[in-house]
Amino acid sequence: MNATPTAEQLRERATGLRALARRLQQLRVLSLHHDAGPDTWLGPSPHRCVDAMQAIRAALLADADELLHRAHRLERAAAELDALPKALPTAR
């Protein structure tokens, strides 16, 4: 079994990461902080609730950006594999 992923496997992984990033970027929770405020919060600090929601939103968007970055790196590695000579000598 080949332990090194092929260029096509890297591209498939990149596609999966991009799909996951798009799902994160489209989550309803990302706009929930717009619905929060003093009228929707019971407790000592509605502002703290909104701050927490915005922090979660920022973390999810940062995670999506990281997935996109990793996808780009996988595709760059796939391109490098494609650029290797096709007939590399094999060890015997």
N, C-alpha and C. Protein backbone atom coordinates (compact mmCIF):
# COMPACT_ATOMS: atom_id res chain seq x y z
N MET A 1 0.84 -1.18 0.00
CA MET A 1 0.00 0.00 0.00
C MET A 1 0.88 1.24 0.00
N ASN A 2 0.54 2.19 -0.82
CA ASN A 2 1.31 3.43 -0.94
C ASN A 2 0.95 4.36 0.21
N ALA A 3 1.95 4.72 1.04
CA ALA A 3 1.70 5.60 2.19
C ALA A 3 1.60 7.06 1.78
N THR A 4 2.13 7.41 0.63
CA THR A 4 2.09 8.78 0.16
C THR A 4 0.82 9.01 -0.65
N PRO A 5 0.04 10.03 -0.28
CA PRO A 5 -1.20 10.27 -1.05
C PRO A 5 -0.88 10.72 -2.48
N THR A 6 -1.74 10.34 -3.37
CA THR A 6 -1.58 10.76 -4.76
C THR A 6 -2.12 12.18 -4.93
N ALA A 7 -1.80 12.78 -6.05
CA ALA A 7 -2.28 14.13 -6.33
C ALA A 7 -3.80 14.16 -6.32
N GLU A 8 -4.43 13.13 -6.88
CA GLU A 8 -5.90 13.09 -6.92
C GLU A 8 -6.49 12.99 -5.51
N GLN A 9 -5.86 12.21 -4.64
CA GLN A 9 -6.33 12.11 -3.25
C GLN A 9 -6.21 13.46 -2.55
N LEU A 10 -5.13 14.16 -2.80
CA LEU A 10 -4.97 15.49 -2.19
C LEU A 10 -6.05 16.44 -2.68
N ARG A 11 -6.35 16.38 -3.97
CA ARG A 11 -7.41 17.25 -4.51
C ARG A 11 -8.77 16.89 -3.92
N GLU A 12 -9.04 15.61 -3.72
CA GLU A 12 -10.31 15.20 -3.10
C GLU A 12 -10.40 15.72 -1.67
N ARG A 13 -9.30 15.65 -0.94
CA ARG A 13 -9.29 16.19 0.43
C ARG A 13 -9.52 17.70 0.41
N ALA A 14 -8.89 18.38 -0.53
CA ALA A 14 -9.07 19.84 -0.65
C ALA A 14 -10.52 20.17 -0.94
N THR A 15 -11.14 19.40 -1.82
CA THR A 15 -12.56 19.62 -2.14
C THR A 15 -13.43 19.44 -0.90
N GLY A 16 -13.13 18.41 -0.12
CA GLY A 16 -13.88 18.18 1.12
C GLY A 16 -13.70 19.32 2.12
N LEU A 17 -12.48 19.82 2.25
CA LEU A 17 -12.23 20.94 3.16
C LEU A 17 -12.97 22.19 2.71
N ARG A 18 -12.98 22.44 1.41
CA ARG A 18 -13.70 23.61 0.90
C ARG A 18 -15.20 23.49 1.15
N ALA A 19 -15.74 22.29 0.98
CA ALA A 19 -17.17 22.08 1.23
C ALA A 19 -17.50 22.33 2.70
N LEU A 20 -16.64 21.83 3.58
CA LEU A 20 -16.85 22.05 5.01
C LEU A 20 -16.74 23.53 5.36
N ALA A 21 -15.78 24.22 4.77
CA ALA A 21 -15.62 25.66 5.02
C ALA A 21 -16.87 26.41 4.57
N ARG A 22 -17.41 26.06 3.40
CA ARG A 22 -18.64 26.72 2.92
C ARG A 22 -19.80 26.47 3.88
N ARG A 23 -19.89 25.26 4.41
CA ARG A 23 -20.97 24.97 5.37
C ARG A 23 -20.81 25.82 6.62
N LEU A 24 -19.59 25.94 7.11
CA LEU A 24 -19.36 26.79 8.28
C LEU A 24 -19.73 28.24 8.00
N GLN A 25 -19.38 28.72 6.82
CA GLN A 25 -19.64 30.11 6.47
C GLN A 25 -21.12 30.41 6.29
N GLN A 26 -21.95 29.38 6.12
CA GLN A 26 -23.38 29.58 5.88
C GLN A 26 -24.24 29.21 7.09
N LEU A 27 -23.63 28.92 8.21
CA LEU A 27 -24.40 28.53 9.40
C LEU A 27 -25.29 29.66 9.89
N ARG A 28 -26.48 29.32 10.27
CA ARG A 28 -27.44 30.30 10.82
C ARG A 28 -26.89 30.94 12.09
N VAL A 29 -26.10 30.20 12.84
CA VAL A 29 -25.56 30.72 14.10
C VAL A 29 -24.68 31.95 13.88
N LEU A 30 -24.16 32.12 12.67
CA LEU A 30 -23.28 33.27 12.41
C LEU A 30 -24.01 34.60 12.47
N SER A 31 -25.32 34.57 12.30
CA SER A 31 -26.07 35.83 12.36
C SER A 31 -26.97 35.91 13.60
N LEU A 32 -26.83 34.97 14.49
CA LEU A 32 -27.67 34.95 15.69
C LEU A 32 -27.48 36.17 16.57
N HIS A 33 -26.28 36.72 16.58
CA HIS A 33 -26.02 37.88 17.45
C HIS A 33 -26.89 39.08 17.05
N HIS A 34 -27.38 39.09 15.80
CA HIS A 34 -28.28 40.18 15.38
C HIS A 34 -29.63 40.09 16.08
N ASP A 35 -30.00 38.88 16.46
CA ASP A 35 -31.29 38.66 17.12
C ASP A 35 -31.20 38.80 18.64
N ALA A 36 -30.00 38.89 19.16
CA ALA A 36 -29.82 38.97 20.61
C ALA A 36 -29.76 40.42 21.06
N GLY A 37 -30.16 40.63 22.26
CA GLY A 37 -30.10 41.98 22.82
C GLY A 37 -30.86 42.03 24.13
N PRO A 38 -31.02 43.20 24.69
CA PRO A 38 -31.69 43.33 25.98
C PRO A 38 -33.12 42.79 25.98
N ASP A 39 -33.79 42.84 24.83
CA ASP A 39 -35.17 42.36 24.78
C ASP A 39 -35.27 40.84 24.73
N THR A 40 -34.19 40.16 24.39
CA THR A 40 -34.23 38.71 24.25
C THR A 40 -33.44 37.98 25.32
N TRP A 41 -32.88 38.71 26.24
CA TRP A 41 -32.01 38.09 27.24
C TRP A 41 -32.54 38.31 28.63
N LEU A 42 -32.62 37.22 29.40
CA LEU A 42 -32.98 37.30 30.82
C LEU A 42 -31.74 36.96 31.62
N GLY A 43 -31.26 37.85 32.41
CA GLY A 43 -30.08 37.60 33.20
C GLY A 43 -29.30 38.87 33.44
N PRO A 44 -28.14 38.74 34.06
CA PRO A 44 -27.40 39.92 34.47
C PRO A 44 -26.71 40.69 33.34
N SER A 45 -26.39 40.05 32.22
CA SER A 45 -25.59 40.77 31.24
C SER A 45 -25.91 40.37 29.80
N PRO A 46 -26.87 41.07 29.19
CA PRO A 46 -27.15 40.77 27.78
C PRO A 46 -25.96 41.11 26.88
N HIS A 47 -25.19 42.11 27.28
CA HIS A 47 -24.03 42.49 26.47
C HIS A 47 -23.00 41.35 26.44
N ARG A 48 -22.83 40.68 27.56
CA ARG A 48 -21.88 39.56 27.62
C ARG A 48 -22.34 38.42 26.72
N CYS A 49 -23.64 38.20 26.63
CA CYS A 49 -24.18 37.17 25.75
C CYS A 49 -23.87 37.50 24.29
N VAL A 50 -24.12 38.74 23.89
CA VAL A 50 -23.84 39.15 22.51
C VAL A 50 -22.35 39.05 22.22
N ASP A 51 -21.52 39.46 23.19
CA ASP A 51 -20.06 39.34 23.02
C ASP A 51 -19.66 37.88 22.79
N ALA A 52 -20.24 36.96 23.58
CA ALA A 52 -19.92 35.54 23.43
C ALA A 52 -20.36 35.03 22.06
N MET A 53 -21.54 35.46 21.61
CA MET A 53 -22.02 35.04 20.30
C MET A 53 -21.10 35.55 19.19
N GLN A 54 -20.64 36.77 19.31
CA GLN A 54 -19.74 37.33 18.31
C GLN A 54 -18.38 36.63 18.34
N ALA A 55 -17.94 36.23 19.52
CA ALA A 55 -16.68 35.50 19.62
C ALA A 55 -16.80 34.13 18.96
N ILE A 56 -17.92 33.47 19.17
CA ILE A 56 -18.15 32.17 18.53
C ILE A 56 -18.20 32.34 17.02
N ARG A 57 -18.86 33.38 16.56
CA ARG A 57 -18.94 33.67 15.12
C ARG A 57 -17.54 33.87 14.54
N ALA A 58 -16.74 34.66 15.22
CA ALA A 58 -15.37 34.93 14.75
C ALA A 58 -14.55 33.64 14.70
N ALA A 59 -14.71 32.79 15.71
CA ALA A 59 -13.97 31.53 15.75
C ALA A 59 -14.39 30.61 14.60
N LEU A 60 -15.69 30.53 14.33
CA LEU A 60 -16.16 29.69 13.23
C LEU A 60 -15.66 30.19 11.88
N LEU A 61 -15.68 31.50 11.69
CA LEU A 61 -15.18 32.06 10.43
C LEU A 61 -13.67 31.88 10.30
N ALA A 62 -12.95 31.98 11.41
CA ALA A 62 -11.50 31.73 11.38
C ALA A 62 -11.22 30.27 11.04
N ASP A 63 -12.03 29.37 11.60
CA ASP A 63 -11.88 27.94 11.27
C ASP A 63 -12.14 27.69 9.80
N ALA A 64 -13.16 28.34 9.24
CA ALA A 64 -13.45 28.18 7.82
C ALA A 64 -12.28 28.70 6.99
N ASP A 65 -11.71 29.83 7.37
CA ASP A 65 -10.55 30.37 6.66
C ASP A 65 -9.37 29.41 6.72
N GLU A 66 -9.16 28.79 7.88
CA GLU A 66 -8.07 27.82 8.02
C GLU A 66 -8.30 26.61 7.12
N LEU A 67 -9.54 26.14 7.03
CA LEU A 67 -9.85 25.03 6.13
C LEU A 67 -9.54 25.39 4.68
N LEU A 68 -9.90 26.60 4.29
CA LEU A 68 -9.62 27.05 2.92
C LEU A 68 -8.11 27.13 2.68
N HIS A 69 -7.38 27.59 3.68
CA HIS A 69 -5.92 27.68 3.56
C HIS A 69 -5.32 26.28 3.41
N ARG A 70 -5.80 25.33 4.21
CA ARG A 70 -5.29 23.96 4.12
C ARG A 70 -5.65 23.34 2.77
N ALA A 71 -6.83 23.64 2.27
CA ALA A 71 -7.23 23.13 0.95
C ALA A 71 -6.29 23.66 -0.11
N HIS A 72 -5.95 24.93 -0.01
CA HIS A 72 -5.01 25.52 -0.97
C HIS A 72 -3.66 24.82 -0.90
N ARG A 73 -3.17 24.56 0.31
CA ARG A 73 -1.88 23.88 0.47
C ARG A 73 -1.94 22.47 -0.11
N LEU A 74 -3.06 21.76 0.09
CA LEU A 74 -3.19 20.41 -0.48
C LEU A 74 -3.15 20.46 -2.00
N GLU A 75 -3.84 21.43 -2.58
CA GLU A 75 -3.84 21.53 -4.03
C GLU A 75 -2.46 21.93 -4.57
N ARG A 76 -1.75 22.74 -3.83
CA ARG A 76 -0.39 23.10 -4.24
C ARG A 76 0.51 21.86 -4.18
N ALA A 77 0.34 21.04 -3.14
CA ALA A 77 1.11 19.80 -3.05
C ALA A 77 0.74 18.85 -4.19
N ALA A 78 -0.53 18.80 -4.55
CA ALA A 78 -0.97 17.96 -5.67
C ALA A 78 -0.32 18.43 -6.97
N ALA A 79 -0.26 19.73 -7.17
CA ALA A 79 0.37 20.26 -8.37
C ALA A 79 1.86 19.92 -8.40
N GLU A 80 2.50 19.95 -7.24
CA GLU A 80 3.91 19.58 -7.18
C GLU A 80 4.10 18.11 -7.51
N LEU A 81 3.19 17.25 -7.02
CA LEU A 81 3.26 15.83 -7.37
C LEU A 81 3.07 15.63 -8.87
N ASP A 82 2.13 16.37 -9.45
CA ASP A 82 1.90 16.27 -10.89
C ASP A 82 3.13 16.70 -11.68
N ALA A 83 3.90 17.63 -11.14
CA ALA A 83 5.06 18.16 -11.84
C ALA A 83 6.28 17.22 -11.76
N LEU A 84 6.23 16.26 -10.85
CA LEU A 84 7.35 15.32 -10.74
C LEU A 84 7.44 14.49 -12.02
N PRO A 85 8.64 14.10 -12.39
CA PRO A 85 8.76 13.22 -13.55
C PRO A 85 7.97 11.94 -13.32
N LYS A 86 7.29 11.51 -14.35
CA LYS A 86 6.41 10.34 -14.22
C LYS A 86 7.19 9.05 -14.08
N ALA A 87 8.39 8.99 -14.58
CA ALA A 87 9.16 7.75 -14.55
C ALA A 87 10.31 7.87 -13.56
N LEU A 88 10.00 7.98 -12.28
CA LEU A 88 11.05 8.02 -11.27
C LEU A 88 11.59 6.61 -11.09
N PRO A 89 12.90 6.47 -10.91
CA PRO A 89 13.43 5.13 -10.67
C PRO A 89 12.91 4.59 -9.35
N THR A 90 12.60 3.34 -9.32
CA THR A 90 12.09 2.71 -8.11
C THR A 90 13.22 1.95 -7.43
N ALA A 91 13.21 1.96 -6.13
CA ALA A 91 14.22 1.24 -5.36
C ALA A 91 13.90 -0.25 -5.41
N ARG A 92 14.94 -1.04 -5.53
CA ARG A 92 14.75 -2.51 -5.58
C ARG A 92 15.46 -3.16 -4.44
